[in-house]
C-alpha atoms as a PDB file:
ATOM      1  CA  MET A   1      -1.308 -65.754  -4.513  1.00  0.00           C
ATOM      2  CA  GLN A   2      -3.640 -68.555  -5.589  1.00  0.00           C
ATOM      3  CA  GLU A   3      -3.033 -72.163  -4.667  1.00  0.00           C
ATOM      4  CA  ILE A   4      -2.364 -73.943  -7.962  1.00  0.00           C
ATOM      5  CA  THR A   5      -4.172 -77.235  -8.621  1.00  0.00           C
ATOM      6  CA  THR A   6      -2.625 -79.860 -10.897  1.00  0.00           C
ATOM      7  CA  ILE A   7      -4.808 -81.566 -13.509  1.00  0.00           C
ATOM      8  CA  ALA A   8      -3.579 -84.671 -15.307  1.00  0.00           C
ATOM      9  CA  ALA A   9      -4.310 -85.034 -19.015  1.00  0.00           C
ATOM     10  CA  GLN A  10      -3.403 -87.342 -21.873  1.00  0.00           C
ATOM     11  CA  ARG A  11      -2.195 -86.184 -25.251  1.00  0.00           C
ATOM     12  CA  ARG A  12      -4.405 -86.990 -28.233  1.00  0.00           C
ATOM     13  CA  GLU A  13      -2.872 -87.546 -31.639  1.00  0.00           C
ATOM     14  CA  ARG A  14      -5.821 -86.738 -33.856  1.00  0.00           C
ATOM     15  CA  ALA A  15      -7.976 -83.616 -34.076  1.00  0.00           C
ATOM     16  CA  GLY A  16     -11.435 -83.151 -35.550  1.00  0.00           C
ATOM     17  CA  LYS A  17     -15.023 -83.948 -34.638  1.00  0.00           C
ATOM     18  CA  GLY A  18     -14.658 -87.672 -35.274  1.00  0.00           C
ATOM     19  CA  ALA A  19     -11.636 -87.933 -32.977  1.00  0.00           C
ATOM     20  CA  ALA A  20     -13.441 -85.885 -30.297  1.00  0.00           C
ATOM     21  CA  ARG A  21     -16.453 -88.207 -30.453  1.00  0.00           C
ATOM     22  CA  ALA A  22     -14.152 -91.197 -30.116  1.00  0.00           C
ATOM     23  CA  THR A  23     -12.559 -89.621 -27.032  1.00  0.00           C
ATOM     24  CA  ARG A  24     -15.992 -89.177 -25.454  1.00  0.00           C
ATOM     25  CA  ARG A  25     -16.934 -92.780 -26.215  1.00  0.00           C
ATOM     26  CA  GLU A  26     -13.805 -93.804 -24.315  1.00  0.00           C
ATOM     27  CA  GLY A  27     -15.112 -91.903 -21.280  1.00  0.00           C
ATOM     28  CA  SER A  28     -12.869 -88.816 -21.487  1.00  0.00           C
ATOM     29  CA  VAL A  29     -13.472 -85.121 -22.182  1.00  0.00           C
ATOM     30  CA  PRO A  30     -11.571 -83.764 -25.210  1.00  0.00           C
ATOM     31  CA  GLY A  31      -9.803 -80.427 -24.906  1.00  0.00           C
ATOM     32  CA  VAL A  32      -7.236 -78.130 -26.440  1.00  0.00           C
ATOM     33  CA  VAL A  33      -4.399 -76.022 -25.013  1.00  0.00           C
ATOM     34  CA  TYR A  34      -3.346 -72.946 -26.978  1.00  0.00           C
ATOM     35  CA  GLY A  35      -1.476 -69.659 -26.655  1.00  0.00           C
ATOM     36  CA  ASP A  36       1.989 -68.440 -25.578  1.00  0.00           C
ATOM     37  CA  GLY A  37       3.231 -68.642 -29.182  1.00  0.00           C
ATOM     38  CA  LYS A  38       3.165 -72.456 -29.217  1.00  0.00           C
ATOM     39  CA  GLU A  39       1.300 -74.972 -31.343  1.00  0.00           C
ATOM     40  CA  PRO A  40      -2.079 -76.038 -29.927  1.00  0.00           C
ATOM     41  CA  ALA A  41      -2.007 -79.315 -27.977  1.00  0.00           C
ATOM     42  CA  ILE A  42      -4.957 -81.705 -28.214  1.00  0.00           C
ATOM     43  CA  ILE A  43      -5.702 -83.458 -24.929  1.00  0.00           C
ATOM     44  CA  ALA A  44      -8.160 -85.712 -23.090  1.00  0.00           C
ATOM     45  CA  LEU A  45      -9.234 -85.264 -19.462  1.00  0.00           C
ATOM     46  CA  ASP A  46     -11.016 -87.219 -16.761  1.00  0.00           C
ATOM     47  CA  PRO A  47     -14.647 -85.952 -16.743  1.00  0.00           C
ATOM     48  CA  ARG A  48     -14.864 -86.320 -12.946  1.00  0.00           C
ATOM     49  CA  VAL A  49     -11.965 -83.902 -12.506  1.00  0.00           C
ATOM     50  CA  VAL A  50     -13.439 -81.399 -14.974  1.00  0.00           C
ATOM     51  CA  GLU A  51     -16.847 -81.459 -13.259  1.00  0.00           C
ATOM     52  CA  ARG A  52     -15.254 -81.149  -9.801  1.00  0.00           C
ATOM     53  CA  GLU A  53     -13.306 -78.054 -10.816  1.00  0.00           C
ATOM     54  CA  MET A  54     -16.265 -76.515 -12.652  1.00  0.00           C
ATOM     55  CA  ASN A  55     -18.328 -76.786  -9.461  1.00  0.00           C
ATOM     56  CA  ARG A  56     -15.758 -74.789  -7.491  1.00  0.00           C
ATOM     57  CA  ALA A  57     -16.283 -71.025  -7.391  1.00  0.00           C
ATOM     58  CA  GLY A  58     -14.105 -69.039  -9.761  1.00  0.00           C
ATOM     59  CA  PHE A  59     -13.336 -71.838 -12.234  1.00  0.00           C
ATOM     60  CA  PHE A  60     -12.440 -69.436 -15.058  1.00  0.00           C
ATOM     61  CA  ALA A  61     -10.283 -67.286 -12.768  1.00  0.00           C
ATOM     62  CA  ARG A  62      -8.121 -70.106 -11.391  1.00  0.00           C
ATOM     63  CA  ILE A  63      -4.633 -70.984 -12.617  1.00  0.00           C
ATOM     64  CA  TYR A  64      -4.050 -74.728 -13.132  1.00  0.00           C
ATOM     65  CA  GLU A  65      -0.910 -76.742 -13.716  1.00  0.00           C
ATOM     66  CA  LEU A  66      -1.736 -79.070 -16.572  1.00  0.00           C
ATOM     67  CA  ASP A  67       0.330 -82.255 -16.533  1.00  0.00           C
ATOM     68  CA  VAL A  68       0.277 -83.797 -20.010  1.00  0.00           C
ATOM     69  CA  GLY A  69       2.334 -86.969 -19.877  1.00  0.00           C
ATOM     70  CA  GLY A  70       4.888 -85.430 -17.536  1.00  0.00           C
ATOM     71  CA  GLU A  71       5.090 -82.092 -19.396  1.00  0.00           C
ATOM     72  CA  LYS A  72       3.701 -79.360 -17.155  1.00  0.00           C
ATOM     73  CA  GLU A  73       2.492 -75.891 -18.045  1.00  0.00           C
ATOM     74  CA  ARG A  74       0.270 -73.328 -16.388  1.00  0.00           C
ATOM     75  CA  VAL A  75      -3.106 -72.729 -17.964  1.00  0.00           C
ATOM     76  CA  LEU A  76      -6.379 -70.893 -17.472  1.00  0.00           C
ATOM     77  CA  ALA A  77      -9.731 -72.414 -18.486  1.00  0.00           C
ATOM     78  CA  ARG A  78     -11.285 -70.178 -21.137  1.00  0.00           C
ATOM     79  CA  ASP A  79     -14.303 -72.091 -22.413  1.00  0.00           C
ATOM     80  CA  VAL A  80     -16.339 -75.204 -21.619  1.00  0.00           C
ATOM     81  CA  GLN A  81     -18.886 -76.662 -24.014  1.00  0.00           C
ATOM     82  CA  LEU A  82     -21.753 -78.498 -22.289  1.00  0.00           C
ATOM     83  CA  HIS A  83     -24.047 -81.252 -23.505  1.00  0.00           C
ATOM     84  CA  PRO A  84     -27.448 -79.658 -24.317  1.00  0.00           C
ATOM     85  CA  VAL A  85     -29.379 -82.290 -22.323  1.00  0.00           C
ATOM     86  CA  THR A  86     -27.114 -83.466 -19.481  1.00  0.00           C
ATOM     87  CA  ASP A  87     -25.129 -80.213 -18.976  1.00  0.00           C
ATOM     88  CA  ARG A  88     -21.981 -82.306 -18.661  1.00  0.00           C
ATOM     89  CA  PRO A  89     -18.725 -80.990 -20.176  1.00  0.00           C
ATOM     90  CA  VAL A  90     -18.005 -82.208 -23.722  1.00  0.00           C
ATOM     91  CA  HIS A  91     -15.010 -79.993 -24.566  1.00  0.00           C
ATOM     92  CA  VAL A  92     -12.630 -77.681 -22.651  1.00  0.00           C
ATOM     93  CA  ASP A  93     -10.336 -74.927 -23.942  1.00  0.00           C
ATOM     94  CA  PHE A  94      -7.260 -73.902 -21.935  1.00  0.00           C
ATOM     95  CA  LEU A  95      -5.009 -70.868 -22.452  1.00  0.00           C
ATOM     96  CA  ARG A  96      -1.290 -71.128 -21.619  1.00  0.00           C
ATOM     97  CA  VAL A  97      -0.152 -68.387 -19.248  1.00  0.00           C
ATOM     98  CA  GLY A  98       3.167 -67.246 -17.852  1.00  0.00           C
ATOM     99  CA  ALA A  99       3.917 -65.252 -14.699  1.00  0.00           C
ATOM    100  CA  THR A 100       3.937 -61.984 -16.667  1.00  0.00           C
ATOM    101  CA  THR A 101       0.998 -62.778 -18.960  1.00  0.00           C
ATOM    102  CA  ARG A 102      -1.709 -60.156 -18.595  1.00  0.00           C
ATOM    103  CA  ILE A 103      -5.253 -61.383 -19.076  1.00  0.00           C
ATOM    104  CA  ARG A 104      -8.902 -60.415 -18.707  1.00  0.00           C
ATOM    105  CA  VAL A 105     -10.650 -62.469 -16.046  1.00  0.00           C
ATOM    106  CA  PHE A 106     -13.891 -62.353 -14.032  1.00  0.00           C
ATOM    107  CA  VAL A 107     -13.382 -62.444 -10.255  1.00  0.00           C
ATOM    108  CA  PRO A 108     -16.297 -63.068  -7.824  1.00  0.00           C
ATOM    109  CA  VAL A 109     -17.293 -60.415  -5.276  1.00  0.00           C
ATOM    110  CA  GLN A 110     -17.767 -61.312  -1.602  1.00  0.00           C
ATOM    111  CA  PHE A 111     -19.742 -58.995   0.692  1.00  0.00           C
ATOM    112  CA  GLN A 112     -18.902 -58.413   4.345  1.00  0.00           C
ATOM    113  CA  GLY A 113     -19.976 -56.026   7.110  1.00  0.00           C
ATOM    114  CA  GLN A 114     -23.717 -56.690   6.764  1.00  0.00           C
ATOM    115  CA  ASP A 115     -24.049 -56.521  10.564  1.00  0.00           C
ATOM    116  CA  ARG A 116     -22.464 -53.059  10.531  1.00  0.00           C
ATOM    117  CA  SER A 117     -24.757 -51.557   7.877  1.00  0.00           C
ATOM    118  CA  PRO A 118     -27.397 -49.187   9.368  1.00  0.00           C
ATOM    119  CA  GLY A 119     -29.527 -49.560   6.234  1.00  0.00           C
ATOM    120  CA  LEU A 120     -29.645 -53.342   6.415  1.00  0.00           C
ATOM    121  CA  LYS A 121     -30.365 -53.199  10.163  1.00  0.00           C
ATOM    122  CA  LYS A 122     -33.425 -51.059   9.357  1.00  0.00           C
ATOM    123  CA  GLY A 123     -34.717 -53.782   7.049  1.00  0.00           C
ATOM    124  CA  GLY A 124     -33.153 -52.499   3.854  1.00  0.00           C
ATOM    125  CA  VAL A 125     -32.387 -54.917   1.024  1.00  0.00           C
ATOM    126  CA  LEU A 126     -28.957 -55.483  -0.499  1.00  0.00           C
ATOM    127  CA  ASN A 127     -29.296 -54.996  -4.257  1.00  0.00           C
ATOM    128  CA  VAL A 128     -26.287 -56.678  -5.899  1.00  0.00           C
ATOM    129  CA  VAL A 129     -25.558 -55.161  -9.297  1.00  0.00           C
ATOM    130  CA  ARG A 130     -22.378 -57.143 -10.046  1.00  0.00           C
ATOM    131  CA  HIS A 131     -21.590 -60.574  -8.597  1.00  0.00           C
ATOM    132  CA  GLU A 132     -18.310 -60.598 -10.567  1.00  0.00           C
ATOM    133  CA  ILE A 133     -15.862 -57.932 -11.714  1.00  0.00           C
ATOM    134  CA  GLU A 134     -13.850 -58.289 -14.911  1.00  0.00           C
ATOM    135  CA  LEU A 135     -10.224 -57.372 -14.253  1.00  0.00           C
ATOM    136  CA  TYR A 136      -7.165 -56.888 -16.436  1.00  0.00           C
ATOM    137  CA  CYS A 137      -4.238 -58.272 -14.441  1.00  0.00           C
ATOM    138  CA  ALA A 138      -1.152 -60.481 -14.404  1.00  0.00           C
ATOM    139  CA  ALA A 139      -1.838 -64.226 -14.471  1.00  0.00           C
ATOM    140  CA  ASP A 140       0.102 -64.804 -11.241  1.00  0.00           C
ATOM    141  CA  ALA A 141      -1.829 -62.057  -9.426  1.00  0.00           C
ATOM    142  CA  ILE A 142      -5.438 -63.137  -9.992  1.00  0.00           C
ATOM    143  CA  PRO A 143      -7.285 -62.724  -6.688  1.00  0.00           C
ATOM    144  CA  ASP A 144      -9.565 -65.513  -5.453  1.00  0.00           C
ATOM    145  CA  ILE A 145     -12.236 -62.962  -4.516  1.00  0.00           C
ATOM    146  CA  LEU A 146     -12.806 -59.213  -4.287  1.00  0.00           C
ATOM    147  CA  THR A 147     -14.200 -57.983  -0.962  1.00  0.00           C
ATOM    148  CA  ALA A 148     -16.897 -55.312  -0.757  1.00  0.00           C
ATOM    149  CA  ASP A 149     -17.397 -53.855   2.742  1.00  0.00           C
ATOM    150  CA  LEU A 150     -20.960 -52.794   3.597  1.00  0.00           C
ATOM    151  CA  SER A 151     -20.049 -51.221   6.952  1.00  0.00           C
ATOM    152  CA  GLY A 152     -21.688 -47.833   7.460  1.00  0.00           C
ATOM    153  CA  LEU A 153     -23.988 -48.059   4.440  1.00  0.00           C
ATOM    154  CA  ASP A 154     -27.454 -46.623   4.990  1.00  0.00           C
ATOM    155  CA  ILE A 155     -30.527 -46.936   2.781  1.00  0.00           C
ATOM    156  CA  HIS A 156     -29.826 -45.576  -0.733  1.00  0.00           C
ATOM    157  CA  ASP A 157     -26.037 -45.785  -0.215  1.00  0.00           C
ATOM    158  CA  SER A 158     -23.905 -47.718  -2.711  1.00  0.00           C
ATOM    159  CA  VAL A 159     -20.589 -49.548  -2.995  1.00  0.00           C
ATOM    160  CA  HIS A 160     -18.562 -48.562  -6.064  1.00  0.00           C
ATOM    161  CA  ILE A 161     -15.491 -50.089  -7.673  1.00  0.00           C
ATOM    162  CA  SER A 162     -13.381 -47.327  -6.101  1.00  0.00           C
ATOM    163  CA  HIS A 163     -14.251 -48.774  -2.663  1.00  0.00           C
ATOM    164  CA  ILE A 164     -12.687 -52.159  -3.464  1.00  0.00           C
ATOM    165  CA  THR A 165      -8.983 -52.863  -2.969  1.00  0.00           C
ATOM    166  CA  LEU A 166      -7.480 -54.412  -6.111  1.00  0.00           C
ATOM    167  CA  PRO A 167      -4.192 -56.328  -6.390  1.00  0.00           C
ATOM    168  CA  ALA A 168      -1.148 -54.307  -7.428  1.00  0.00           C
ATOM    169  CA  GLY A 169      -1.186 -53.776 -11.177  1.00  0.00           C
ATOM    170  CA  ALA A 170      -4.797 -54.889 -11.596  1.00  0.00           C
ATOM    171  CA  LYS A 171      -7.475 -52.619 -12.995  1.00  0.00           C
ATOM    172  CA  PRO A 172     -11.114 -53.062 -13.984  1.00  0.00           C
ATOM    173  CA  VAL A 173     -11.817 -53.587 -17.669  1.00  0.00           C
ATOM    174  CA  ILE A 174     -14.507 -50.908 -17.346  1.00  0.00           C
ATOM    175  CA  GLY A 175     -12.138 -48.075 -16.564  1.00  0.00           C
ATOM    176  CA  ASP A 176     -14.066 -45.011 -17.658  1.00  0.00           C
ATOM    177  CA  ARG A 177     -16.422 -44.714 -14.665  1.00  0.00           C
ATOM    178  CA  ASP A 178     -16.782 -45.521 -10.962  1.00  0.00           C
ATOM    179  CA  PHE A 179     -19.445 -48.171 -11.513  1.00  0.00           C
ATOM    180  CA  THR A 180     -21.777 -49.544  -8.824  1.00  0.00           C
ATOM    181  CA  ILE A 181     -21.211 -52.977  -7.275  1.00  0.00           C
ATOM    182  CA  ALA A 182     -24.214 -53.005  -4.917  1.00  0.00           C
ATOM    183  CA  SER A 183     -26.618 -50.694  -3.126  1.00  0.00           C
ATOM    184  CA  VAL A 184     -28.877 -50.776  -0.067  1.00  0.00           C
ATOM    185  CA  ALA A 185     -32.487 -50.359  -1.179  1.00  0.00           C
ATOM    186  CA  ALA A 186     -35.466 -49.344   0.947  1.00  0.00           C
ATOM    187  CA  PRO A 187     -37.477 -52.169   2.556  1.00  0.00           C
ATOM    188  CA  THR A 188     -39.832 -53.606  -0.056  1.00  0.00           C
ATOM    189  CA  VAL A 189     -41.900 -55.990   2.093  1.00  0.00           C
ATOM    190  CA  ALA A 190     -42.992 -53.299   4.542  1.00  0.00           C
ATOM    191  CA  ALA A 191     -43.867 -50.934   1.703  1.00  0.00           C
ATOM    192  CA  ALA A 192     -45.964 -53.611  -0.003  1.00  0.00           C
ATOM    193  CA  GLU A 193     -47.804 -54.440   3.255  1.00  0.00           C
ATOM    194  CA  GLU A 194     -48.657 -50.774   3.786  1.00  0.00           C
ATOM    195  CA  ALA A 195     -49.772 -50.315   0.188  1.00  0.00           C
ATOM    196  CA  ALA A 196     -52.130 -53.325   0.165  1.00  0.00           C
ATOM    197  CA  PRO A 197     -54.786 -51.966   2.625  1.00  0.00           C
ATOM    198  CA  ALA A 198     -54.700 -48.569   0.935  1.00  0.00           C
ATOM    199  CA  ALA A 199     -55.226 -50.133  -2.477  1.00  0.00           C
ATOM    200  CA  ALA A 200     -58.086 -52.269  -1.151  1.00  0.00           C
ATOM    201  CA  ALA A 201     -59.767 -49.223   0.421  1.00  0.00           C
ATOM    202  CA  ALA A 202     -59.470 -47.264  -2.814  1.00  0.00           C
ATOM    203  CA  ALA A 203     -60.907 -50.130  -4.846  1.00  0.00           C
ATOM    204  CA  ALA A 204     -63.948 -50.685  -2.583  1.00  0.00           C
ATOM    205  CA  PRO A 205     -66.065 -47.656  -3.722  1.00  0.00           C
ATOM    206  CA  ALA A 206     -65.422 -48.450  -7.373  1.00  0.00           C
ATOM    207  CA  ALA A 207     -66.467 -52.068  -6.865  1.00  0.00           C
ATOM    208  CA  ALA A 208     -69.639 -51.018  -5.049  1.00  0.00           C
ATOM    209  CA  ALA A 209     -70.574 -48.631  -7.847  1.00  0.00           C
ATOM    210  CA  LYS A 210     -70.262 -51.392 -10.450  1.00  0.00           C
ATOM    211  CA  ALA A 211     -72.300 -53.922  -8.426  1.00  0.00           C
ATOM    212  CA  PRO A 212     -75.941 -54.294  -9.702  1.00  0.00           C
ATOM    213  CA  ALA A 213     -78.752 -53.204  -7.340  1.00  0.00           C
ATOM    214  CA  LYS A 214     -80.819 -55.950  -5.574  1.00  0.00           C
ATOM    215  CA  GLY A 215     -83.611 -57.280  -7.698  1.00  0.00           C
ATOM    216  CA  LYS A 216     -82.215 -55.815 -10.904  1.00  0.00           C
ATOM    217  CA  LYS A 217     -80.538 -57.741 -13.666  1.00  0.00           C
END
């Protein structure tokens, strides 16, 4: 189970663009908390905390305990609006979640066993198709990462979703096929190095034929 981080927030009384701009002028990031059959709550957050959490892997897959003036509830970040120039957060949306709430969430994939892959040992290249997998699971069972084991993979072999262990009750949103997570491709550098001399040799006669004879214009 995930370690739950607490984020402090202040309640805002007024909604609307003007109130949001005022919140930013005061040095805070405006936000809203919605869902779970309750009225939306308008809040303000410390921008340093928001940026710190955004820079951690899996921000949108992490459960937070939001402390709004002593009232605590569990939430999941669903959207962050960024300033078009500075890329700093200007608004955050949070979704209330309970232990039994089922949600769609992207979870990052971590690869292991590279040193036990015959294909990679031969100089093959790991071609990652999906860095994240979208799961449908309970809010209290969101995994931090999904692990893909590359042990035993040779060149042209692949890792599929069926090779990854998912938490109990979790299933991929794409459920109609055994989709590819990554594959081991043939070495590309060696192939390019071998192809270069051959291409140069093939081009030489053509270049000689086009070259004008000495003394002729």
